[in-house]
Amino acid sequence: MDGVVVVDAANVVGSVPDGWWRDRRGAAERLRDRLAVLAGAGLPGRPGVPGWATEPPVDIVMVVEGAARGVEPVAGVRVESAPGSGDDHIVAVVAAREQGRPCLVVTADQGLRARVAALGAETVGPRSVRPNGSAP
């Protein structure tokens, strides 16, 4: 069974002080485009990334909130706009996955990590989806 990678877009974008706050939607679109490449190539084999997530194709769900709502999906990346809290929506996405389906959540938010871990998801930090730790 193929797994799903759920990306906390606000957390990943916000992990690099590159001026993202001036254009939140644009920053989310740049992240989405980077994730599309990873969907076709697999995530880099960094510490904490499970083997299944390094094997293409990777099913990726990017959750956006606030000013980034409405970012369009692209091939390989499903984009979900959280109607309220992005964290709550990520928890709902994880909870709604097919029973037994592996899940990896990309976030540095410790509270969110605990919530999704209670649902059986694994977690990694934002660097797992950034090239060599650079900005998304």
N, C-alpha and C. Protein backbone atom coordinates (compact mmCIF):
# COMPACT_ATOMS: atom_id res chain seq x y z
N MET A 1 0.85 -1.17 0.00
CA MET A 1 0.00 0.00 0.00
C MET A 1 0.90 1.24 0.00
N ASP A 2 0.64 2.14 -0.94
CA ASP A 2 1.41 3.37 -1.01
C ASP A 2 1.01 4.32 0.10
N GLY A 3 1.98 5.07 0.59
CA GLY A 3 1.72 6.02 1.65
C GLY A 3 1.36 7.39 1.12
N VAL A 4 1.10 8.30 2.04
CA VAL A 4 0.77 9.68 1.70
C VAL A 4 1.64 10.60 2.55
N VAL A 5 2.14 11.66 1.91
CA VAL A 5 2.91 12.68 2.60
C VAL A 5 2.01 13.91 2.73
N VAL A 6 1.80 14.37 3.95
CA VAL A 6 0.96 15.54 4.21
C VAL A 6 1.89 16.67 4.67
N VAL A 7 1.84 17.79 3.95
CA VAL A 7 2.77 18.89 4.21
C VAL A 7 2.04 20.08 4.84
N ASP A 8 2.54 20.52 5.97
CA ASP A 8 2.06 21.70 6.66
C ASP A 8 2.71 22.90 5.96
N ALA A 9 2.05 23.43 4.94
CA ALA A 9 2.66 24.47 4.09
C ALA A 9 3.07 25.70 4.89
N ALA A 10 2.22 26.16 5.79
CA ALA A 10 2.55 27.36 6.55
C ALA A 10 3.81 27.16 7.38
N ASN A 11 3.96 25.98 7.96
CA ASN A 11 5.11 25.69 8.79
C ASN A 11 6.37 25.56 7.96
N VAL A 12 6.28 24.87 6.82
CA VAL A 12 7.46 24.68 5.96
C VAL A 12 7.90 26.02 5.37
N VAL A 13 6.95 26.79 4.84
CA VAL A 13 7.28 28.10 4.27
C VAL A 13 7.86 29.01 5.36
N GLY A 14 7.27 28.99 6.53
CA GLY A 14 7.71 29.85 7.61
C GLY A 14 9.02 29.46 8.26
N SER A 15 9.57 28.33 7.88
CA SER A 15 10.80 27.86 8.51
C SER A 15 12.05 28.55 7.96
N VAL A 16 11.89 29.35 6.91
CA VAL A 16 13.02 30.07 6.32
C VAL A 16 12.65 31.55 6.21
N PRO A 17 13.41 32.42 6.85
CA PRO A 17 13.08 33.85 6.81
C PRO A 17 13.54 34.49 5.49
N ASP A 18 12.81 34.19 4.42
CA ASP A 18 13.20 34.65 3.09
C ASP A 18 12.25 35.71 2.52
N GLY A 19 11.44 36.32 3.39
CA GLY A 19 10.50 37.33 2.95
C GLY A 19 9.14 36.77 2.57
N TRP A 20 8.88 35.52 2.91
CA TRP A 20 7.62 34.87 2.55
C TRP A 20 6.41 35.66 3.01
N TRP A 21 6.53 36.40 4.10
CA TRP A 21 5.40 37.13 4.67
C TRP A 21 4.90 38.24 3.75
N ARG A 22 5.71 38.65 2.79
CA ARG A 22 5.28 39.68 1.83
C ARG A 22 4.36 39.10 0.76
N ASP A 23 4.45 37.79 0.53
CA ASP A 23 3.64 37.14 -0.49
C ASP A 23 3.41 35.69 -0.08
N ARG A 24 2.51 35.49 0.85
CA ARG A 24 2.26 34.15 1.40
C ARG A 24 1.78 33.18 0.32
N ARG A 25 0.90 33.66 -0.55
CA ARG A 25 0.39 32.79 -1.61
C ARG A 25 1.52 32.40 -2.57
N GLY A 26 2.34 33.35 -2.96
CA GLY A 26 3.47 33.07 -3.84
C GLY A 26 4.44 32.08 -3.21
N ALA A 27 4.70 32.24 -1.92
CA ALA A 27 5.59 31.32 -1.21
C ALA A 27 5.00 29.90 -1.21
N ALA A 28 3.69 29.80 -1.00
CA ALA A 28 3.03 28.49 -1.02
C ALA A 28 3.07 27.89 -2.42
N GLU A 29 2.94 28.70 -3.44
CA GLU A 29 3.02 28.19 -4.82
C GLU A 29 4.42 27.69 -5.14
N ARG A 30 5.44 28.39 -4.65
CA ARG A 30 6.82 27.91 -4.87
C ARG A 30 7.04 26.58 -4.16
N LEU A 31 6.52 26.45 -2.94
CA LEU A 31 6.63 25.18 -2.22
C LEU A 31 5.90 24.09 -2.99
N ARG A 32 4.68 24.38 -3.44
CA ARG A 32 3.90 23.39 -4.20
C ARG A 32 4.69 22.90 -5.42
N ASP A 33 5.34 23.83 -6.12
CA ASP A 33 6.10 23.45 -7.31
C ASP A 33 7.30 22.57 -6.95
N ARG A 34 7.95 22.84 -5.82
CA ARG A 34 9.05 22.00 -5.35
C ARG A 34 8.52 20.62 -4.97
N LEU A 35 7.36 20.58 -4.33
CA LEU A 35 6.76 19.30 -3.96
C LEU A 35 6.39 18.48 -5.19
N ALA A 36 5.98 19.13 -6.26
CA ALA A 36 5.63 18.42 -7.50
C ALA A 36 6.84 17.67 -8.03
N VAL A 37 8.01 18.27 -7.93
CA VAL A 37 9.24 17.59 -8.35
C VAL A 37 9.48 16.36 -7.47
N LEU A 38 9.29 16.53 -6.16
CA LEU A 38 9.50 15.41 -5.24
C LEU A 38 8.46 14.31 -5.43
N ALA A 39 7.25 14.67 -5.83
CA ALA A 39 6.22 13.66 -6.08
C ALA A 39 6.67 12.72 -7.19
N GLY A 40 7.38 13.26 -8.16
CA GLY A 40 7.85 12.43 -9.26
C GLY A 40 9.20 11.76 -9.03
N ALA A 41 9.96 12.27 -8.07
CA ALA A 41 11.30 11.74 -7.83
C ALA A 41 11.45 11.01 -6.50
N GLY A 42 10.54 11.28 -5.56
CA GLY A 42 10.67 10.74 -4.21
C GLY A 42 11.36 11.75 -3.32
N LEU A 43 11.06 11.70 -2.03
CA LEU A 43 11.71 12.59 -1.08
C LEU A 43 13.17 12.19 -0.92
N PRO A 44 14.04 13.17 -0.63
CA PRO A 44 15.44 12.82 -0.38
C PRO A 44 15.55 11.85 0.79
N GLY A 45 16.47 10.94 0.71
CA GLY A 45 16.67 9.95 1.77
C GLY A 45 17.39 10.54 2.97
N ARG A 46 16.71 11.42 3.66
CA ARG A 46 17.29 12.08 4.82
C ARG A 46 16.83 11.36 6.09
N PRO A 47 17.52 11.61 7.22
CA PRO A 47 17.12 10.96 8.47
C PRO A 47 15.65 11.21 8.79
N GLY A 48 14.96 10.15 9.16
CA GLY A 48 13.56 10.22 9.52
C GLY A 48 12.59 9.99 8.38
N VAL A 49 13.07 10.08 7.14
CA VAL A 49 12.19 9.88 5.98
C VAL A 49 12.08 8.38 5.74
N PRO A 50 10.88 7.82 5.83
CA PRO A 50 10.74 6.36 5.61
C PRO A 50 11.03 5.99 4.16
N GLY A 51 11.50 4.78 3.97
CA GLY A 51 11.87 4.32 2.64
C GLY A 51 10.77 4.46 1.60
N TRP A 52 9.52 4.19 1.98
CA TRP A 52 8.44 4.27 1.00
C TRP A 52 8.31 5.67 0.42
N ALA A 53 8.66 6.71 1.19
CA ALA A 53 8.51 8.09 0.73
C ALA A 53 9.63 8.52 -0.21
N THR A 54 10.66 7.69 -0.33
CA THR A 54 11.77 8.00 -1.25
C THR A 54 11.57 7.37 -2.62
N GLU A 55 10.54 6.54 -2.73
CA GLU A 55 10.28 5.82 -3.97
C GLU A 55 9.14 6.48 -4.75
N PRO A 56 9.43 6.97 -5.95
CA PRO A 56 8.36 7.62 -6.73
C PRO A 56 7.37 6.61 -7.29
N PRO A 57 6.17 7.04 -7.60
CA PRO A 57 5.64 8.37 -7.31
C PRO A 57 5.19 8.46 -5.86
N VAL A 58 5.22 9.68 -5.33
CA VAL A 58 4.82 9.93 -3.96
C VAL A 58 3.51 10.72 -3.98
N ASP A 59 2.52 10.26 -3.21
CA ASP A 59 1.25 10.96 -3.09
C ASP A 59 1.43 12.07 -2.05
N ILE A 60 1.31 13.33 -2.51
CA ILE A 60 1.54 14.47 -1.62
C ILE A 60 0.28 15.32 -1.50
N VAL A 61 -0.05 15.65 -0.24
CA VAL A 61 -1.15 16.57 0.06
C VAL A 61 -0.52 17.76 0.78
N MET A 62 -0.71 18.97 0.22
CA MET A 62 -0.21 20.18 0.84
C MET A 62 -1.40 20.93 1.42
N VAL A 63 -1.37 21.20 2.72
CA VAL A 63 -2.46 21.91 3.37
C VAL A 63 -2.06 23.38 3.54
N VAL A 64 -2.89 24.27 3.01
CA VAL A 64 -2.65 25.71 3.10
C VAL A 64 -3.74 26.35 3.95
N GLU A 65 -3.42 27.53 4.46
CA GLU A 65 -4.38 28.26 5.30
C GLU A 65 -4.17 29.75 5.11
N GLY A 66 -5.08 30.54 5.64
CA GLY A 66 -4.93 31.99 5.60
C GLY A 66 -4.81 32.53 4.18
N ALA A 67 -3.85 33.44 3.99
CA ALA A 67 -3.67 34.12 2.69
C ALA A 67 -3.27 33.17 1.57
N ALA A 68 -2.85 31.97 1.91
CA ALA A 68 -2.45 31.00 0.89
C ALA A 68 -3.62 30.14 0.41
N ARG A 69 -4.80 30.31 1.02
CA ARG A 69 -5.96 29.54 0.57
C ARG A 69 -6.21 29.81 -0.90
N GLY A 70 -6.61 28.78 -1.61
CA GLY A 70 -6.92 28.95 -3.02
C GLY A 70 -5.77 28.63 -3.95
N VAL A 71 -4.61 28.28 -3.41
CA VAL A 71 -3.50 27.83 -4.27
C VAL A 71 -3.98 26.60 -5.03
N GLU A 72 -3.76 26.60 -6.32
CA GLU A 72 -4.24 25.51 -7.17
C GLU A 72 -3.35 24.28 -7.07
N PRO A 73 -3.93 23.10 -7.23
CA PRO A 73 -3.12 21.88 -7.27
C PRO A 73 -2.36 21.79 -8.59
N VAL A 74 -1.34 20.96 -8.62
CA VAL A 74 -0.61 20.64 -9.85
C VAL A 74 -0.43 19.13 -9.87
N ALA A 75 -0.01 18.61 -10.99
CA ALA A 75 0.22 17.17 -11.09
C ALA A 75 1.14 16.71 -9.97
N GLY A 76 0.67 15.74 -9.21
CA GLY A 76 1.46 15.16 -8.13
C GLY A 76 1.23 15.78 -6.77
N VAL A 77 0.58 16.95 -6.72
CA VAL A 77 0.35 17.60 -5.43
C VAL A 77 -1.11 18.03 -5.31
N ARG A 78 -1.81 17.40 -4.38
CA ARG A 78 -3.17 17.82 -4.07
C ARG A 78 -3.06 18.94 -3.04
N VAL A 79 -3.73 20.04 -3.29
CA VAL A 79 -3.70 21.17 -2.36
C VAL A 79 -5.06 21.28 -1.69
N GLU A 80 -5.05 21.30 -0.36
CA GLU A 80 -6.28 21.46 0.40
C GLU A 80 -6.22 22.75 1.19
N SER A 81 -7.23 23.58 1.01
CA SER A 81 -7.34 24.83 1.75
C SER A 81 -8.10 24.58 3.04
N ALA A 82 -7.44 24.81 4.16
CA ALA A 82 -8.09 24.61 5.45
C ALA A 82 -9.13 25.70 5.66
N PRO A 83 -10.35 25.31 6.00
CA PRO A 83 -11.39 26.31 6.23
C PRO A 83 -11.16 27.10 7.51
N GLY A 84 -10.39 26.55 8.41
CA GLY A 84 -10.07 27.20 9.69
C GLY A 84 -8.60 26.94 9.99
N SER A 85 -8.35 26.27 11.09
CA SER A 85 -6.99 25.94 11.51
C SER A 85 -6.34 24.95 10.56
N GLY A 86 -5.15 25.29 10.09
CA GLY A 86 -4.40 24.36 9.24
C GLY A 86 -4.06 23.09 9.98
N ASP A 87 -3.68 23.21 11.26
CA ASP A 87 -3.35 22.03 12.05
C ASP A 87 -4.55 21.09 12.16
N ASP A 88 -5.72 21.65 12.44
CA ASP A 88 -6.91 20.82 12.56
C ASP A 88 -7.20 20.11 11.24
N HIS A 89 -6.99 20.79 10.13
CA HIS A 89 -7.26 20.17 8.83
C HIS A 89 -6.25 19.07 8.54
N ILE A 90 -5.00 19.28 8.90
CA ILE A 90 -3.99 18.24 8.71
C ILE A 90 -4.37 17.00 9.53
N VAL A 91 -4.78 17.19 10.76
CA VAL A 91 -5.21 16.06 11.59
C VAL A 91 -6.38 15.34 10.92
N ALA A 92 -7.32 16.08 10.35
CA ALA A 92 -8.47 15.47 9.67
C ALA A 92 -8.02 14.68 8.44
N VAL A 93 -7.06 15.20 7.68
CA VAL A 93 -6.55 14.48 6.50
C VAL A 93 -5.89 13.17 6.94
N VAL A 94 -5.08 13.23 7.99
CA VAL A 94 -4.41 12.03 8.50
C VAL A 94 -5.44 11.01 8.99
N ALA A 95 -6.44 11.48 9.73
CA ALA A 95 -7.46 10.59 10.29
C ALA A 95 -8.31 9.95 9.20
N ALA A 96 -8.49 10.64 8.08
CA ALA A 96 -9.37 10.15 7.01
C ALA A 96 -8.69 9.19 6.05
N ARG A 97 -7.37 9.02 6.17
CA ARG A 97 -6.69 8.13 5.23
C ARG A 97 -7.15 6.68 5.43
N GLU A 98 -6.97 5.89 4.40
CA GLU A 98 -7.34 4.48 4.47
C GLU A 98 -6.60 3.81 5.63
N GLN A 99 -7.33 3.00 6.37
CA GLN A 99 -6.74 2.32 7.53
C GLN A 99 -5.51 1.53 7.10
N GLY A 100 -4.43 1.72 7.83
CA GLY A 100 -3.19 1.01 7.56
C GLY A 100 -2.29 1.68 6.53
N ARG A 101 -2.79 2.74 5.88
CA ARG A 101 -1.99 3.43 4.88
C ARG A 101 -0.90 4.24 5.58
N PRO A 102 0.36 4.03 5.21
CA PRO A 102 1.44 4.81 5.83
C PRO A 102 1.25 6.30 5.57
N CYS A 103 1.66 7.11 6.54
CA CYS A 103 1.49 8.55 6.43
C CYS A 103 2.70 9.24 7.06
N LEU A 104 3.20 10.25 6.36
CA LEU A 104 4.30 11.07 6.84
C LEU A 104 3.84 12.52 6.83
N VAL A 105 3.94 13.20 7.96
CA VAL A 105 3.55 14.60 8.06
C VAL A 105 4.82 15.43 8.17
N VAL A 106 4.92 16.45 7.31
CA VAL A 106 6.09 17.33 7.30
C VAL A 106 5.73 18.61 8.05
N THR A 107 6.30 18.78 9.22
CA THR A 107 6.07 19.96 10.06
C THR A 107 7.11 19.99 11.17
N ALA A 108 7.36 21.20 11.69
CA ALA A 108 8.21 21.34 12.87
C ALA A 108 7.37 21.61 14.10
N ASP A 109 6.07 21.72 13.93
CA ASP A 109 5.14 22.05 15.02
C ASP A 109 5.01 20.84 15.96
N GLN A 110 5.55 20.97 17.15
CA GLN A 110 5.57 19.85 18.09
C GLN A 110 4.17 19.41 18.51
N GLY A 111 3.26 20.35 18.70
CA GLY A 111 1.90 19.99 19.06
C GLY A 111 1.22 19.20 17.97
N LEU A 112 1.40 19.63 16.72
CA LEU A 112 0.82 18.91 15.59
C LEU A 112 1.47 17.54 15.45
N ARG A 113 2.77 17.47 15.64
CA ARG A 113 3.46 16.17 15.56
C ARG A 113 2.84 15.17 16.54
N ALA A 114 2.58 15.62 17.76
CA ALA A 114 1.99 14.74 18.77
C ALA A 114 0.59 14.30 18.35
N ARG A 115 -0.18 15.22 17.81
CA ARG A 115 -1.56 14.88 17.41
C ARG A 115 -1.58 13.84 16.29
N VAL A 116 -0.73 14.00 15.28
CA VAL A 116 -0.76 13.04 14.16
C VAL A 116 -0.07 11.73 14.52
N ALA A 117 0.91 11.79 15.42
CA ALA A 117 1.55 10.55 15.88
C ALA A 117 0.53 9.68 16.60
N ALA A 118 -0.39 10.30 17.33
CA ALA A 118 -1.44 9.55 18.02
C ALA A 118 -2.34 8.82 17.03
N LEU A 119 -2.34 9.27 15.76
CA LEU A 119 -3.13 8.63 14.71
C LEU A 119 -2.30 7.67 13.87
N GLY A 120 -1.04 7.45 14.28
CA GLY A 120 -0.19 6.50 13.58
C GLY A 120 0.68 7.07 12.49
N ALA A 121 0.73 8.39 12.35
CA ALA A 121 1.56 9.01 11.32
C ALA A 121 2.98 9.20 11.84
N GLU A 122 3.92 9.16 10.90
CA GLU A 122 5.29 9.52 11.20
C GLU A 122 5.46 11.01 10.91
N THR A 123 6.52 11.62 11.44
CA THR A 123 6.74 13.04 11.20
C THR A 123 8.21 13.32 10.90
N VAL A 124 8.41 14.36 10.08
CA VAL A 124 9.76 14.87 9.80
C VAL A 124 9.66 16.39 9.73
N GLY A 125 10.79 17.04 9.84
CA GLY A 125 10.83 18.50 9.79
C GLY A 125 10.87 19.04 8.37
N PRO A 126 10.74 20.35 8.24
CA PRO A 126 10.71 21.01 6.93
C PRO A 126 11.91 20.75 6.04
N ARG A 127 13.08 20.53 6.60
CA ARG A 127 14.28 20.30 5.78
C ARG A 127 14.15 19.07 4.90
N SER A 128 13.26 18.18 5.26
CA SER A 128 13.09 16.95 4.47
C SER A 128 12.55 17.22 3.09
N VAL A 129 11.93 18.40 2.86
CA VAL A 129 11.38 18.72 1.54
C VAL A 129 12.06 19.93 0.91
N ARG A 130 13.16 20.37 1.52
CA ARG A 130 13.90 21.50 0.94
C ARG A 130 15.22 21.00 0.40
N PRO A 131 15.61 21.49 -0.77
CA PRO A 131 16.89 21.06 -1.33
C PRO A 131 18.05 21.56 -0.47
N ASN A 132 18.79 20.64 0.09
CA ASN A 132 19.96 20.98 0.91
C ASN A 132 19.67 22.00 2.00
N GLY A 133 18.45 21.97 2.53
CA GLY A 133 18.09 22.87 3.60
C GLY A 133 17.83 24.31 3.17
N SER A 134 17.73 24.53 1.85
CA SER A 134 17.50 25.90 1.38
C SER A 134 16.04 26.26 1.45
N ALA A 135 15.72 27.47 1.07
CA ALA A 135 14.33 27.93 1.07
C ALA A 135 13.51 27.13 0.09
N PRO A 136 12.21 26.95 0.40
CA PRO A 136 11.34 26.19 -0.50
C PRO A 136 11.14 26.88 -1.83
